[in-house]
Amino acid sequence: MAAFPVPQVLIRITPFEGRGIRNGMAFGDRGGRITVRVGNETVPAELASDWMLTHEMVHLAFPSVDERHHWIEEGIATYVEPIARIHAGHLKAERMWFDLVRDMPQGLPQVGDRGLDRTHTWGRTYWEERCFCLLADVEIRRQTNNAQGWRMLFVAFSTPVVTSGRTGILRMFSKRETARLG
């Protein structure tokens, strides 16, 4: 497993009345910081099974992009978060696949959709791009005989040649595969 993406992270927890974990946000300034709200009635088991802090920590490993390409920041965090939790022993792979199959249709284009840079719905931002990251992961593994995988998504989108969302990762694919991924 890769090293933590920043040397330290400040986590600011703001309590609220009730249960649950809400409103996580990651920021790259000050070495990395995360804000999250936690209900004062939240039990340890809820904290142990929650996904939000892992999702926000993934954001610390990925560069911020122009607001119109925000979908890739959320898509990759949504894709990598359950994988990281599986590696840490906090989630079963079967549960990740169940959730993926159940929730992926939320990202399908709808009538009037204008593409990811111009359609900022919740489903498209989080789920269509999770699908894109899955397809990219599979394609990277296919092209490298399983020597590389999802970590290359960070490399592809972190290089200076990337000018818009999908460009970097699609440069890694053949023209045929690029057309298939859209």
Protein backbone atom coordinates (compact mmCIF):
# COMPACT_ATOMS: atom_id res chain seq x y z
CA MET A 1 0.00 0.00 0.00
CA ALA A 2 1.22 3.50 -0.79
CA ALA A 3 2.30 5.97 1.86
CA PHE A 4 -0.15 8.54 3.20
CA PRO A 5 -0.26 11.40 0.67
CA VAL A 6 0.64 14.23 3.07
CA PRO A 7 3.10 14.35 5.99
CA GLN A 8 0.33 15.30 8.41
CA VAL A 9 -3.36 16.09 8.32
CA LEU A 10 -5.46 18.19 10.64
CA ILE A 11 -8.93 16.71 11.18
CA ARG A 12 -11.49 19.15 12.54
CA ILE A 13 -14.57 17.46 14.01
CA THR A 14 -17.63 19.60 14.65
CA PRO A 15 -20.34 17.98 16.77
CA PHE A 16 -24.05 18.15 16.05
CA GLU A 17 -27.12 16.80 17.86
CA GLY A 18 -27.91 13.26 16.74
CA ARG A 19 -26.10 10.39 15.07
CA GLY A 20 -23.96 9.96 12.00
CA ILE A 21 -21.04 11.43 10.09
CA ARG A 22 -21.77 14.29 7.66
CA ASN A 23 -20.36 17.06 5.50
CA GLY A 24 -16.80 15.86 5.02
CA MET A 25 -14.48 18.20 3.11
CA ALA A 26 -10.75 17.97 2.36
CA PHE A 27 -8.42 20.90 1.80
CA GLY A 28 -4.86 20.81 0.50
CA ASP A 29 -3.68 23.86 2.42
CA ARG A 30 -1.68 23.78 5.67
CA GLY A 31 -0.28 20.38 4.75
CA GLY A 32 -3.75 18.89 4.47
CA ARG A 33 -6.87 19.20 6.54
CA ILE A 34 -10.28 17.59 6.71
CA THR A 35 -13.45 18.91 8.30
CA VAL A 36 -16.30 16.61 9.24
CA ARG A 37 -19.41 16.76 11.42
CA VAL A 38 -20.05 13.92 13.86
CA GLY A 39 -23.25 13.45 15.84
CA ASN A 40 -22.91 13.45 19.61
CA GLU A 41 -24.89 10.17 19.75
CA THR A 42 -22.74 8.39 17.16
CA VAL A 43 -21.48 5.04 18.45
CA PRO A 44 -17.99 3.61 17.77
CA ALA A 45 -19.38 0.96 15.40
CA GLU A 46 -20.79 3.72 13.17
CA LEU A 47 -17.40 5.43 13.09
CA ALA A 48 -15.63 2.17 12.28
CA SER A 49 -17.93 1.40 9.34
CA ASP A 50 -18.21 4.90 7.88
CA TRP A 51 -16.65 5.77 4.53
CA MET A 52 -16.46 9.56 4.73
CA LEU A 53 -13.00 10.12 6.27
CA THR A 54 -11.44 7.61 3.86
CA HIS A 55 -13.10 9.40 0.94
CA GLU A 56 -11.78 12.76 2.12
CA MET A 57 -8.28 11.33 2.64
CA VAL A 58 -8.25 10.15 -0.99
CA HIS A 59 -8.83 13.79 -1.98
CA LEU A 60 -5.53 14.69 -0.30
CA ALA A 61 -3.71 12.42 -2.78
CA PHE A 62 -5.29 13.92 -5.90
CA PRO A 63 -4.65 17.41 -7.26
CA SER A 64 -7.43 19.97 -7.36
CA VAL A 65 -8.66 20.66 -10.85
CA ASP A 66 -10.69 23.43 -12.41
CA GLU A 67 -14.26 23.51 -11.04
CA ARG A 68 -15.77 22.35 -14.33
CA HIS A 69 -13.74 19.12 -14.01
CA HIS A 70 -14.68 18.56 -10.36
CA TRP A 71 -16.32 15.28 -11.38
CA ILE A 72 -12.92 13.56 -11.67
CA GLU A 73 -11.97 14.55 -8.11
CA GLU A 74 -15.17 13.02 -6.76
CA GLY A 75 -15.18 10.10 -9.18
CA ILE A 76 -11.72 8.93 -8.23
CA ALA A 77 -12.35 9.43 -4.49
CA THR A 78 -15.61 7.49 -4.80
CA TYR A 79 -13.84 4.70 -6.70
CA VAL A 80 -10.72 4.41 -4.50
CA GLU A 81 -12.40 4.82 -1.10
CA PRO A 82 -13.91 1.32 -0.85
CA ILE A 83 -10.71 -0.23 -2.26
CA ALA A 84 -8.68 1.47 0.47
CA ARG A 85 -11.15 0.29 3.10
CA ILE A 86 -10.88 -3.29 1.80
CA HIS A 87 -7.07 -3.11 2.00
CA ALA A 88 -7.37 -1.82 5.59
CA GLY A 89 -9.75 -4.63 6.54
CA HIS A 90 -12.72 -2.31 7.14
CA LEU A 91 -14.88 -3.48 4.24
CA LYS A 92 -15.53 -6.81 2.53
CA ALA A 93 -14.91 -6.94 -1.22
CA GLU A 94 -18.32 -8.57 -1.70
CA ARG A 95 -19.97 -5.51 -0.14
CA MET A 96 -18.06 -3.15 -2.43
CA TRP A 97 -19.19 -5.08 -5.53
CA PHE A 98 -22.79 -5.24 -4.28
CA ASP A 99 -22.82 -1.47 -3.70
CA LEU A 100 -21.14 -0.82 -7.04
CA VAL A 101 -23.67 -2.86 -9.03
CA ARG A 102 -26.59 -1.41 -7.06
CA ASP A 103 -25.53 2.25 -7.26
CA MET A 104 -23.70 2.61 -10.60
CA PRO A 105 -26.92 3.25 -12.61
CA GLN A 106 -27.29 6.55 -10.70
CA GLY A 107 -24.54 7.92 -12.93
CA LEU A 108 -26.11 7.10 -16.28
CA PRO A 109 -26.75 10.10 -18.55
CA GLN A 110 -30.26 11.50 -18.38
CA VAL A 111 -32.36 13.39 -20.92
CA GLY A 112 -30.80 16.81 -21.42
CA ASP A 113 -27.41 15.73 -20.09
CA ARG A 114 -24.68 17.98 -21.48
CA GLY A 115 -21.59 15.96 -20.52
CA LEU A 116 -19.59 15.79 -17.34
CA ASP A 117 -18.07 19.26 -17.60
CA ARG A 118 -21.53 20.83 -17.85
CA THR A 119 -23.86 18.42 -16.01
CA HIS A 120 -23.23 18.78 -12.31
CA THR A 121 -25.79 16.41 -10.87
CA TRP A 122 -24.97 14.29 -7.85
CA GLY A 123 -25.31 11.02 -9.75
CA ARG A 124 -23.12 12.08 -12.65
CA THR A 125 -20.45 13.63 -10.42
CA TYR A 126 -20.08 10.64 -8.10
CA TRP A 127 -21.32 7.57 -9.96
CA GLU A 128 -20.67 8.04 -13.68
CA GLU A 129 -17.08 8.90 -12.91
CA ARG A 130 -16.76 5.95 -10.58
CA CYS A 131 -17.79 3.86 -13.59
CA PHE A 132 -15.18 5.66 -15.71
CA CYS A 133 -12.50 4.95 -13.09
CA LEU A 134 -13.50 1.27 -12.98
CA LEU A 135 -13.25 1.01 -16.77
CA ALA A 136 -9.94 2.87 -16.73
CA ASP A 137 -8.62 0.57 -13.97
CA VAL A 138 -9.61 -2.54 -15.96
CA GLU A 139 -8.05 -1.12 -19.13
CA ILE A 140 -4.81 -0.17 -17.37
CA ARG A 141 -4.62 -3.69 -15.94
CA ARG A 142 -5.31 -5.20 -19.38
CA GLN A 143 -2.65 -3.12 -21.10
CA THR A 144 -0.02 -3.77 -18.41
CA ASN A 145 -0.78 -7.48 -17.88
CA ASN A 146 -2.10 -6.58 -14.41
CA ALA A 147 1.19 -4.92 -13.40
CA GLN A 148 -0.53 -1.53 -12.91
CA GLY A 149 -4.01 -0.50 -11.86
CA TRP A 150 -6.03 2.29 -10.27
CA ARG A 151 -2.97 4.04 -8.82
CA MET A 152 -2.08 5.02 -12.40
CA LEU A 153 -5.24 7.18 -12.43
CA PHE A 154 -3.47 9.48 -9.97
CA VAL A 155 -0.39 9.59 -12.20
CA ALA A 156 -2.38 10.21 -15.37
CA PHE A 157 -4.35 13.10 -13.90
CA SER A 158 -1.39 14.57 -11.99
CA THR A 159 0.90 15.12 -14.95
CA PRO A 160 1.31 18.62 -16.40
CA VAL A 161 0.10 17.48 -19.85
CA VAL A 162 -3.42 17.06 -18.56
CA THR A 163 -5.56 19.95 -19.66
CA SER A 164 -9.01 18.55 -19.09
CA GLY A 165 -10.56 15.70 -17.16
CA ARG A 166 -10.25 12.53 -19.17
CA THR A 167 -7.36 13.61 -21.40
CA GLY A 168 -4.47 12.17 -19.38
CA ILE A 169 -5.88 8.74 -18.78
CA LEU A 170 -7.25 8.43 -22.29
CA ARG A 171 -3.80 9.10 -23.73
CA MET A 172 -2.83 5.80 -22.16
CA PHE A 173 -5.46 3.90 -24.14
CA SER A 174 -5.56 2.90 -27.77
CA LYS A 175 -7.86 4.86 -30.08
CA ARG A 176 -10.29 1.93 -30.10
CA GLU A 177 -10.48 1.85 -26.30
CA THR A 178 -10.78 5.63 -26.09
CA ALA A 179 -13.79 5.53 -28.40
CA ARG A 180 -15.37 2.74 -26.34
CA LEU A 181 -14.98 4.73 -23.09
CA GLY A 182 -16.45 7.88 -24.63
